[in-house]
């Protein structure tokens, strides 16, 4: 009602899918007067066609601007090209980028890692990857197909360990802002980070993140979170092929994300499928969803976890409406990351102590009241996240035995000196 009285310009930036929300928005806004406008930007022609609006195709970046961008990213100073007689080759590389800023940036960052020699630059300019064409059967957009060769060229130049870490990021949905520490913990849980003697694995992981940022493969947001550009997200999914999925799992799926799945969609994401190789399962509940449906959804997942997912290493049940975890959690002997943040779990089962490989236990913002005494058996635990656990009254006795612990946000002692359940000051 307030909108009907006002003039406005609504900008919907970087829209890739219309889904159900567009029908609701259109019903409210498209009947407004001419003084009210909607501007939608997208990399897909199908979005414009679905909206039924007039489409304005943006021209590609002019050559001189593409050239300036490449020089700024790859060299900083143009005179360096002249002194090494590489300008003609640089011009050819810019032309192959097709006036696409993202390609110019990523290829420029690749060139920045190379020596200023004819051989190194020629390996980029004459790469066979530039001739690559999107298969006719592919459902990917025309724009993605035109951008992909330059991005694959940059991806292909990454060291193998960076390739695996980059592709893993596509387990999160598009536009999802990933906490840096969370990504580090999950990389560790998947065994993607080699532990060099004398160097903390966290230091190595953060250096790898910085390497990917410098190569324009990952973006760092203003609040220091991480995200993939939409096109690079498509690239990572394209490379991950059958192993990564944001939909129903198959026998080939190793990493499954159900982040943002609504209760109405739950049945098609059945956890009792054939995903016997699953190593990552990321779930959360939508705060706008029906409580009873979410409770049923949670129980379905827990019921099938132990029977199907013996190889699971990363399990996130953030905001799930479960009062407790079943004792069968002990069957996940390989699990290294367990996220129960923002959940209504009040206590952990005694079998939690049998997760001998567990490195991360996140109970932040949960309603946890008591830590199981068996937690002292988690000899490999590095991160115990307890931020804003207001109902937690004391720590499990003997927690000092966890010699590998690196993160502990809270520590409480028992007020009652005769209470042996928790830690006391002696």
Protein backbone atom coordinates (compact mmCIF):
# COMPACT_ATOMS: atom_id res chain seq x y z
CA UNK A 1 0.00 0.00 0.00
CA UNK A 2 2.90 2.35 0.73
CA UNK A 3 4.47 1.60 -2.66
CA UNK A 4 1.27 2.51 -4.47
CA UNK A 5 1.60 6.05 -3.13
CA UNK A 6 5.25 6.54 -4.06
CA UNK A 7 7.46 6.98 -7.08
CA UNK A 8 10.40 4.58 -7.10
CA UNK A 9 13.09 2.85 -9.13
CA UNK A 10 13.61 -0.77 -8.06
CA UNK A 11 16.92 -2.31 -9.20
CA UNK A 12 17.20 -6.12 -9.18
CA UNK A 13 20.86 -6.72 -9.91
CA UNK A 14 22.47 -9.90 -11.23
CA UNK A 15 19.33 -12.02 -11.53
CA UNK A 16 20.01 -15.53 -12.86
CA UNK A 17 16.78 -17.35 -12.08
CA UNK A 18 13.22 -16.05 -11.79
CA UNK A 19 11.77 -18.96 -9.79
CA UNK A 20 8.57 -18.43 -7.82
CA UNK A 21 9.50 -15.08 -6.27
CA UNK A 22 9.18 -13.22 -9.57
CA UNK A 23 5.46 -13.97 -9.86
CA UNK A 24 4.88 -12.45 -6.43
CA UNK A 25 6.99 -9.36 -7.15
CA UNK A 26 5.44 -8.87 -10.58
CA UNK A 27 1.92 -9.10 -9.20
CA UNK A 28 2.62 -6.29 -6.76
CA UNK A 29 4.76 -3.98 -8.85
CA UNK A 30 4.01 -4.35 -12.54
CA UNK A 31 0.55 -2.83 -12.17
CA UNK A 32 2.02 0.39 -10.82
CA UNK A 33 1.94 3.67 -12.70
CA UNK A 34 4.57 4.77 -15.19
CA UNK A 35 6.37 6.74 -12.49
CA UNK A 36 7.44 3.44 -10.95
CA UNK A 37 10.15 1.50 -12.78
CA UNK A 38 11.93 -1.84 -12.36
CA UNK A 39 15.46 -2.36 -13.70
CA UNK A 40 16.71 -5.96 -13.90
CA UNK A 41 20.30 -6.86 -14.79
CA UNK A 42 21.20 -10.40 -15.81
CA UNK A 43 23.69 -12.46 -17.74
CA UNK A 44 20.94 -14.66 -19.19
CA UNK A 45 18.66 -13.82 -22.10
CA UNK A 46 16.09 -16.25 -20.64
CA UNK A 47 15.55 -13.92 -17.67
CA UNK A 48 14.56 -11.03 -19.92
CA UNK A 49 12.29 -13.29 -21.94
CA UNK A 50 10.68 -14.63 -18.76
CA UNK A 51 9.96 -11.13 -17.50
CA UNK A 52 8.61 -10.03 -20.86
CA UNK A 53 10.38 -6.68 -20.67
CA UNK A 54 12.33 -4.78 -23.28
CA UNK A 55 15.92 -6.02 -23.34
CA UNK A 56 18.94 -3.73 -23.68
CA UNK A 57 22.10 -5.66 -24.54
CA UNK A 58 25.19 -4.02 -23.10
CA UNK A 59 28.10 -3.66 -25.54
CA UNK A 60 31.36 -5.43 -24.80
CA UNK A 61 34.21 -3.48 -23.24
CA UNK A 62 36.07 -1.42 -25.89
CA UNK A 63 39.56 -2.59 -26.76
CA UNK A 64 41.33 0.39 -25.21
CA UNK A 65 39.55 -0.17 -21.88
CA UNK A 66 40.25 -3.91 -22.02
CA UNK A 67 43.90 -3.16 -22.70
CA UNK A 68 44.13 -0.71 -19.79
CA UNK A 69 42.52 -3.26 -17.45
CA UNK A 70 44.91 -6.02 -18.52
CA UNK A 71 47.96 -3.80 -18.08
CA UNK A 72 46.76 -2.66 -14.64
CA UNK A 73 46.19 -6.21 -13.41
CA UNK A 74 49.12 -7.96 -15.08
CA UNK A 75 51.87 -5.36 -15.18
CA UNK A 76 51.01 -2.12 -13.41
CA UNK A 77 53.07 -0.18 -16.01
CA UNK A 78 52.72 -0.37 -19.82
CA UNK A 79 56.34 0.54 -20.50
CA UNK A 80 57.36 -2.89 -19.17
CA UNK A 81 55.83 -4.41 -22.30
CA UNK A 82 57.81 -2.14 -24.60
CA UNK A 83 61.10 -3.01 -22.93
CA UNK A 84 60.45 -6.74 -23.38
CA UNK A 85 58.95 -6.52 -26.90
CA UNK A 86 55.76 -8.21 -25.71
CA UNK A 87 53.15 -5.61 -26.60
CA UNK A 88 52.01 -7.29 -29.84
CA UNK A 89 51.50 -10.57 -28.01
CA UNK A 90 49.66 -8.76 -25.22
CA UNK A 91 47.34 -7.18 -27.79
CA UNK A 92 46.50 -10.62 -29.20
CA UNK A 93 45.69 -11.90 -25.71
CA UNK A 94 43.35 -8.96 -25.07
CA UNK A 95 41.57 -9.65 -28.36
CA UNK A 96 41.01 -13.26 -27.30
CA UNK A 97 39.33 -12.02 -24.10
CA UNK A 98 36.48 -10.76 -26.28
CA UNK A 99 35.80 -7.54 -24.38
CA UNK A 100 34.62 -9.45 -21.29
CA UNK A 101 35.91 -7.76 -18.08
CA UNK A 102 35.89 -10.92 -15.94
CA UNK A 103 38.00 -12.76 -18.52
CA UNK A 104 40.42 -9.83 -18.84
CA UNK A 105 40.83 -9.74 -15.05
CA UNK A 106 41.41 -13.46 -14.56
CA UNK A 107 43.75 -13.78 -17.56
CA UNK A 108 45.59 -10.66 -16.37
CA UNK A 109 46.08 -12.20 -12.94
CA UNK A 110 47.42 -15.32 -14.66
CA UNK A 111 49.90 -13.24 -16.68
CA UNK A 112 51.00 -11.52 -13.48
CA UNK A 113 52.40 -14.86 -12.26
CA UNK A 114 54.44 -15.40 -15.43
CA UNK A 115 57.89 -14.18 -16.37
CA UNK A 116 58.22 -11.35 -18.87
CA UNK A 117 59.45 -13.70 -21.59
CA UNK A 118 58.20 -14.63 -25.04
CA UNK A 119 57.83 -18.31 -24.10
CA UNK A 120 55.67 -17.64 -21.03
CA UNK A 121 53.38 -15.20 -22.79
CA UNK A 122 53.18 -17.34 -25.90
CA UNK A 123 51.99 -20.27 -23.77
CA UNK A 124 48.95 -18.13 -22.91
CA UNK A 125 48.35 -16.54 -26.31
CA UNK A 126 48.60 -19.82 -28.25
CA UNK A 127 46.87 -22.08 -25.74
CA UNK A 128 44.48 -24.58 -27.32
CA UNK A 129 41.96 -23.73 -24.59
CA UNK A 130 40.97 -20.57 -26.50
CA UNK A 131 39.49 -22.84 -29.21
CA UNK A 132 37.25 -24.65 -26.73
CA UNK A 133 33.53 -24.59 -27.51
CA UNK A 134 30.58 -25.35 -25.23
CA UNK A 135 29.00 -28.72 -26.17
CA UNK A 136 25.77 -28.30 -28.13
CA UNK A 137 23.94 -30.40 -25.54
CA UNK A 138 24.94 -28.09 -22.67
CA UNK A 139 22.20 -26.18 -20.88
CA UNK A 140 24.60 -23.39 -19.89
CA UNK A 141 24.02 -19.89 -21.19
CA UNK A 142 25.62 -18.46 -24.32
CA UNK A 143 27.44 -15.89 -22.19
CA UNK A 144 28.91 -18.60 -19.98
CA UNK A 145 30.12 -20.42 -23.08
CA UNK A 146 31.90 -17.33 -24.41
CA UNK A 147 33.56 -16.58 -21.07
CA UNK A 148 34.54 -20.12 -20.15
CA UNK A 149 37.76 -20.57 -22.23
CA UNK A 150 39.52 -17.64 -20.55
CA UNK A 151 38.42 -18.80 -17.10
CA UNK A 152 39.49 -22.40 -17.75
CA UNK A 153 42.87 -21.07 -18.85
CA UNK A 154 43.27 -19.33 -15.48
CA UNK A 155 41.92 -22.33 -13.57
CA UNK A 156 44.20 -24.72 -15.44
CA UNK A 157 47.24 -22.72 -14.33
CA UNK A 158 46.40 -23.14 -10.63
CA UNK A 159 48.39 -25.64 -8.62
CA UNK A 160 46.46 -28.85 -8.01
CA UNK A 161 45.75 -28.12 -4.34
CA UNK A 162 44.28 -24.71 -5.24
CA UNK A 163 42.11 -26.30 -7.92
CA UNK A 164 40.50 -28.65 -5.38
CA UNK A 165 39.95 -25.87 -2.87
CA UNK A 166 38.42 -23.57 -5.50
CA UNK A 167 35.99 -26.21 -6.77
CA UNK A 168 34.89 -27.06 -3.21
CA UNK A 169 33.55 -23.51 -2.83
CA UNK A 170 30.71 -24.29 -5.25
CA UNK A 171 29.09 -26.41 -2.53
CA UNK A 172 27.61 -23.08 -1.38
CA UNK A 173 24.80 -21.45 -3.39
CA UNK A 174 25.40 -18.47 -5.66
CA UNK A 175 25.80 -15.16 -3.79
CA UNK A 176 26.33 -17.02 -0.51
CA UNK A 177 28.88 -15.28 1.71
CA UNK A 178 31.14 -17.88 3.29
CA UNK A 179 32.89 -17.22 6.58
CA UNK A 180 36.62 -17.57 6.05
CA UNK A 181 37.14 -19.70 9.17
CA UNK A 182 34.28 -22.00 8.17
CA UNK A 183 35.83 -22.61 4.77
CA UNK A 184 39.21 -23.33 6.36
CA UNK A 185 37.64 -25.86 8.75
CA UNK A 186 35.82 -27.62 5.92
CA UNK A 187 38.89 -27.74 3.69
CA UNK A 188 40.74 -29.32 6.61
CA UNK A 189 37.94 -31.83 7.20
CA UNK A 190 38.07 -32.90 3.55
CA UNK A 191 41.84 -33.39 3.68
CA UNK A 192 42.43 -30.69 1.06
CA UNK A 193 45.25 -29.04 3.00
CA UNK A 194 48.65 -30.64 3.41
CA UNK A 195 50.10 -30.10 6.86
CA UNK A 196 53.70 -28.96 6.48
CA UNK A 197 55.96 -29.55 9.43
CA UNK A 198 56.42 -26.41 11.48
CA UNK A 199 53.56 -24.50 9.78
CA UNK A 200 50.06 -24.36 11.23
CA UNK A 201 47.48 -25.73 8.83
CA UNK A 202 45.37 -22.60 9.42
CA UNK A 203 48.22 -20.40 8.20
CA UNK A 204 48.56 -22.51 5.06
CA UNK A 205 44.80 -22.43 4.38
CA UNK A 206 44.59 -18.66 4.73
CA UNK A 207 47.53 -18.23 2.39
CA UNK A 208 45.74 -20.38 -0.18
CA UNK A 209 42.62 -18.24 0.18
CA UNK A 210 44.72 -15.13 -0.43
CA UNK A 211 46.25 -16.79 -3.50
CA UNK A 212 42.77 -17.43 -4.93
CA UNK A 213 41.71 -13.85 -4.15
CA UNK A 214 44.80 -12.50 -5.93
CA UNK A 215 43.94 -14.65 -8.95
CA UNK A 216 40.36 -13.26 -8.96
CA UNK A 217 38.99 -16.77 -8.43
CA UNK A 218 37.36 -15.82 -5.11
CA UNK A 219 36.03 -12.44 -3.97
CA UNK A 220 36.41 -10.98 -0.49
CA UNK A 221 33.37 -8.98 0.63
CA UNK A 222 33.39 -5.79 2.67
CA UNK A 223 32.75 -7.79 5.85
CA UNK A 224 35.70 -10.10 5.02
CA UNK A 225 33.53 -13.03 4.00
CA UNK A 226 34.22 -14.95 0.79
CA UNK A 227 32.05 -15.58 -2.26
CA UNK A 228 32.31 -16.80 -5.84
CA UNK A 229 31.37 -14.63 -8.78
CA UNK A 230 28.28 -16.20 -10.40
CA UNK A 231 30.20 -17.15 -13.55
CA UNK A 232 33.07 -18.63 -11.53
CA UNK A 233 30.49 -20.53 -9.48
CA UNK A 234 29.21 -22.00 -12.75
CA UNK A 235 32.79 -22.86 -13.71
CA UNK A 236 33.40 -24.67 -10.41
CA UNK A 237 30.16 -26.65 -10.80
CA UNK A 238 31.06 -27.42 -14.40
CA UNK A 239 34.43 -28.81 -13.29
CA UNK A 240 32.94 -30.64 -10.30
CA UNK A 241 30.45 -32.30 -12.65
CA UNK A 242 28.62 -35.12 -10.87
CA UNK A 243 30.41 -34.83 -7.52
CA UNK A 244 28.77 -31.56 -6.42
CA UNK A 245 25.04 -31.01 -6.25
CA UNK A 246 22.47 -28.53 -4.95
CA UNK A 247 19.66 -30.93 -5.77
CA UNK A 248 18.78 -34.57 -5.23
CA UNK A 249 21.87 -36.71 -4.77
CA UNK A 250 22.88 -39.57 -7.07
CA UNK A 251 25.30 -42.43 -6.61
CA UNK A 252 28.06 -40.13 -7.92
CA UNK A 253 27.41 -37.25 -5.50
CA UNK A 254 30.18 -36.59 -2.97
CA UNK A 255 29.16 -33.11 -1.81
CA UNK A 256 25.52 -32.12 -1.35
CA UNK A 257 24.19 -28.71 -0.32
CA UNK A 258 20.58 -28.16 0.69
CA UNK A 259 21.16 -24.63 1.98
CA UNK A 260 18.01 -22.59 1.59
CA UNK A 261 15.74 -25.55 0.78
CA UNK A 262 12.16 -24.77 1.82
CA UNK A 263 9.98 -27.34 3.53
CA UNK A 264 7.85 -27.63 0.38
CA UNK A 265 10.92 -28.77 -1.52
CA UNK A 266 12.07 -31.28 1.07
CA UNK A 267 10.59 -34.42 -0.52
CA UNK A 268 12.62 -34.05 -3.72
CA UNK A 269 15.80 -33.81 -1.65
CA UNK A 270 15.27 -37.19 -0.03
CA UNK A 271 18.25 -38.19 2.09
CA UNK A 272 17.56 -41.88 1.64
CA UNK A 273 18.78 -41.92 -1.96
CA UNK A 274 21.80 -43.62 -3.44
CA UNK A 275 24.46 -41.13 -2.29
CA UNK A 276 26.71 -43.71 -0.68
CA UNK A 277 29.85 -41.66 -1.45
CA UNK A 278 28.66 -38.51 0.31
CA UNK A 279 31.45 -36.64 2.13
CA UNK A 280 29.71 -33.28 2.66
CA UNK A 281 26.11 -32.56 3.65
CA UNK A 282 25.15 -28.94 4.27
CA UNK A 283 21.60 -28.27 5.47
CA UNK A 284 19.79 -25.49 7.20
CA UNK A 285 16.20 -24.60 7.90
CA UNK A 286 14.43 -21.53 6.57
CA UNK A 287 13.15 -19.24 9.32
CA UNK A 288 9.99 -18.66 7.26
CA UNK A 289 9.20 -22.35 6.91
CA UNK A 290 6.62 -24.35 8.79
CA UNK A 291 8.00 -25.65 12.10
CA UNK A 292 6.32 -29.06 11.96
CA UNK A 293 7.47 -29.66 8.38
CA UNK A 294 11.02 -28.77 9.33
CA UNK A 295 10.95 -31.09 12.30
CA UNK A 296 9.84 -33.96 10.05
CA UNK A 297 12.50 -32.98 7.51
CA UNK A 298 15.18 -33.02 10.22
CA UNK A 299 14.16 -36.45 11.47
CA UNK A 300 14.16 -37.89 7.94
CA UNK A 301 17.76 -36.81 7.50
CA UNK A 302 18.94 -38.11 10.84
CA UNK A 303 17.18 -41.44 10.20
CA UNK A 304 19.06 -42.07 6.98
CA UNK A 305 22.42 -40.54 7.82
CA UNK A 306 23.90 -43.61 9.46
CA UNK A 307 22.58 -46.11 6.94
CA UNK A 308 23.76 -44.28 3.83
CA UNK A 309 26.57 -41.88 4.56
CA UNK A 310 29.43 -43.84 6.08
CA UNK A 311 32.05 -41.62 4.40
CA UNK A 312 30.64 -38.34 5.70
CA UNK A 313 33.28 -35.85 6.86
CA UNK A 314 31.36 -32.56 6.95
CA UNK A 315 27.85 -32.35 8.41
CA UNK A 316 26.09 -29.01 8.93
CA UNK A 317 22.62 -28.97 10.50
CA UNK A 318 22.52 -25.25 11.18
CA UNK A 319 19.20 -23.95 12.56
CA UNK A 320 17.66 -27.42 12.47
CA UNK A 321 14.78 -27.99 14.86
CA UNK A 322 16.04 -31.06 16.72
CA UNK A 323 16.06 -31.19 20.50
CA UNK A 324 18.78 -33.84 20.54
CA UNK A 325 21.06 -35.88 18.33
CA UNK A 326 20.62 -39.66 18.33
CA UNK A 327 23.31 -41.90 19.78
CA UNK A 328 23.88 -43.38 16.33
CA UNK A 329 25.98 -40.30 15.55
CA UNK A 330 28.90 -42.48 16.66
CA UNK A 331 28.71 -44.36 13.35
CA UNK A 332 30.33 -41.38 11.59
CA UNK A 333 33.83 -42.41 12.54
CA UNK A 334 35.36 -40.33 9.72
CA UNK A 335 33.46 -37.14 10.54
CA UNK A 336 35.67 -34.12 11.18
CA UNK A 337 33.21 -31.21 11.08
CA UNK A 338 29.87 -30.99 12.88
CA UNK A 339 27.85 -27.76 12.84
CA UNK A 340 24.83 -27.50 15.14
CA UNK A 341 24.83 -23.71 15.42
CA UNK A 342 21.51 -21.92 15.97
CA UNK A 343 19.84 -25.27 16.70
CA UNK A 344 17.60 -26.14 19.65
CA UNK A 345 19.75 -29.06 20.77
CA UNK A 346 19.93 -28.97 24.58
CA UNK A 347 22.49 -31.71 25.11
CA UNK A 348 24.82 -33.98 23.17
CA UNK A 349 24.62 -37.79 23.30
CA UNK A 350 27.29 -39.69 25.18
CA UNK A 351 28.33 -41.28 21.88
CA UNK A 352 29.80 -37.93 20.77
CA UNK A 353 33.03 -39.07 22.42
CA UNK A 354 33.48 -41.78 19.81
CA UNK A 355 33.99 -39.28 16.99
CA UNK A 356 37.72 -39.59 17.43
CA UNK A 357 38.50 -37.70 14.20
CA UNK A 358 36.29 -34.70 14.95
CA UNK A 359 38.16 -31.41 14.50
CA UNK A 360 35.31 -28.86 14.61
CA UNK A 361 32.21 -28.78 16.81
CA UNK A 362 30.12 -25.64 16.33
CA UNK A 363 27.40 -25.03 18.92
CA UNK A 364 27.26 -21.25 18.51
CA UNK A 365 23.92 -19.55 19.23
CA UNK A 366 22.36 -22.91 20.14
CA UNK A 367 20.31 -23.74 23.23
CA UNK A 368 22.89 -26.25 24.48
CA UNK A 369 22.69 -26.57 28.28
CA UNK A 370 25.35 -29.14 29.02
CA UNK A 371 28.44 -30.55 27.31
CA UNK A 372 28.70 -34.32 27.51
CA UNK A 373 31.53 -35.50 29.74
CA UNK A 374 32.58 -37.85 26.92
CA UNK A 375 33.74 -34.81 24.95
CA UNK A 376 37.10 -35.06 26.69
CA UNK A 377 37.75 -38.09 24.46
CA UNK A 378 37.74 -35.94 21.30
CA UNK A 379 41.52 -35.96 21.09
CA UNK A 380 41.65 -34.28 17.65
CA UNK A 381 39.21 -31.44 18.42
CA UNK A 382 40.68 -28.09 17.33
CA UNK A 383 37.65 -25.77 17.31
CA UNK A 384 34.93 -25.72 19.95
CA UNK A 385 32.61 -22.87 18.94
CA UNK A 386 30.41 -21.72 21.84
CA UNK A 387 29.57 -18.12 20.92
CA UNK A 388 26.41 -16.83 22.59
CA UNK A 389 25.41 -20.18 24.15
CA UNK A 390 23.43 -18.45 26.89
CA UNK A 391 21.96 -21.61 28.44
CA UNK A 392 25.31 -23.36 28.87
CA UNK A 393 26.10 -23.34 32.60
CA UNK A 394 29.47 -25.07 32.80
CA UNK A 395 32.15 -26.89 30.82
CA UNK A 396 32.67 -30.64 30.87
CA UNK A 397 35.13 -31.75 33.54
CA UNK A 398 38.51 -32.73 32.12
CA UNK A 399 38.29 -30.45 29.09
CA UNK A 400 41.95 -29.61 29.62
CA UNK A 401 42.83 -32.99 28.12
CA UNK A 402 41.99 -31.64 24.66
CA UNK A 403 45.57 -30.69 23.85
CA UNK A 404 44.85 -29.89 20.17
CA UNK A 405 42.17 -27.30 20.98
CA UNK A 406 42.81 -23.97 19.21
CA UNK A 407 39.48 -22.14 19.55
CA UNK A 408 37.33 -21.85 22.68
CA UNK A 409 35.14 -18.75 22.83
CA UNK A 410 33.70 -19.35 26.30
CA UNK A 411 34.79 -21.06 29.48
CA UNK A 412 32.61 -21.37 32.58
CA UNK A 413 33.26 -23.00 35.93
CA UNK A 414 30.77 -24.53 38.36
CA UNK A 415 29.52 -22.29 41.16
CA UNK A 416 28.90 -25.35 43.29
CA UNK A 417 32.28 -26.77 44.33
CA UNK A 418 30.63 -30.10 45.06
CA UNK A 419 29.31 -30.46 41.52
CA UNK A 420 31.65 -32.86 39.70
CA UNK A 421 29.95 -32.54 36.31
CA UNK A 422 31.85 -29.44 35.29
CA UNK A 423 35.18 -27.68 35.64
CA UNK A 424 36.08 -26.17 39.01
CA UNK A 425 38.87 -23.81 39.96
CA UNK A 426 41.19 -25.61 42.37
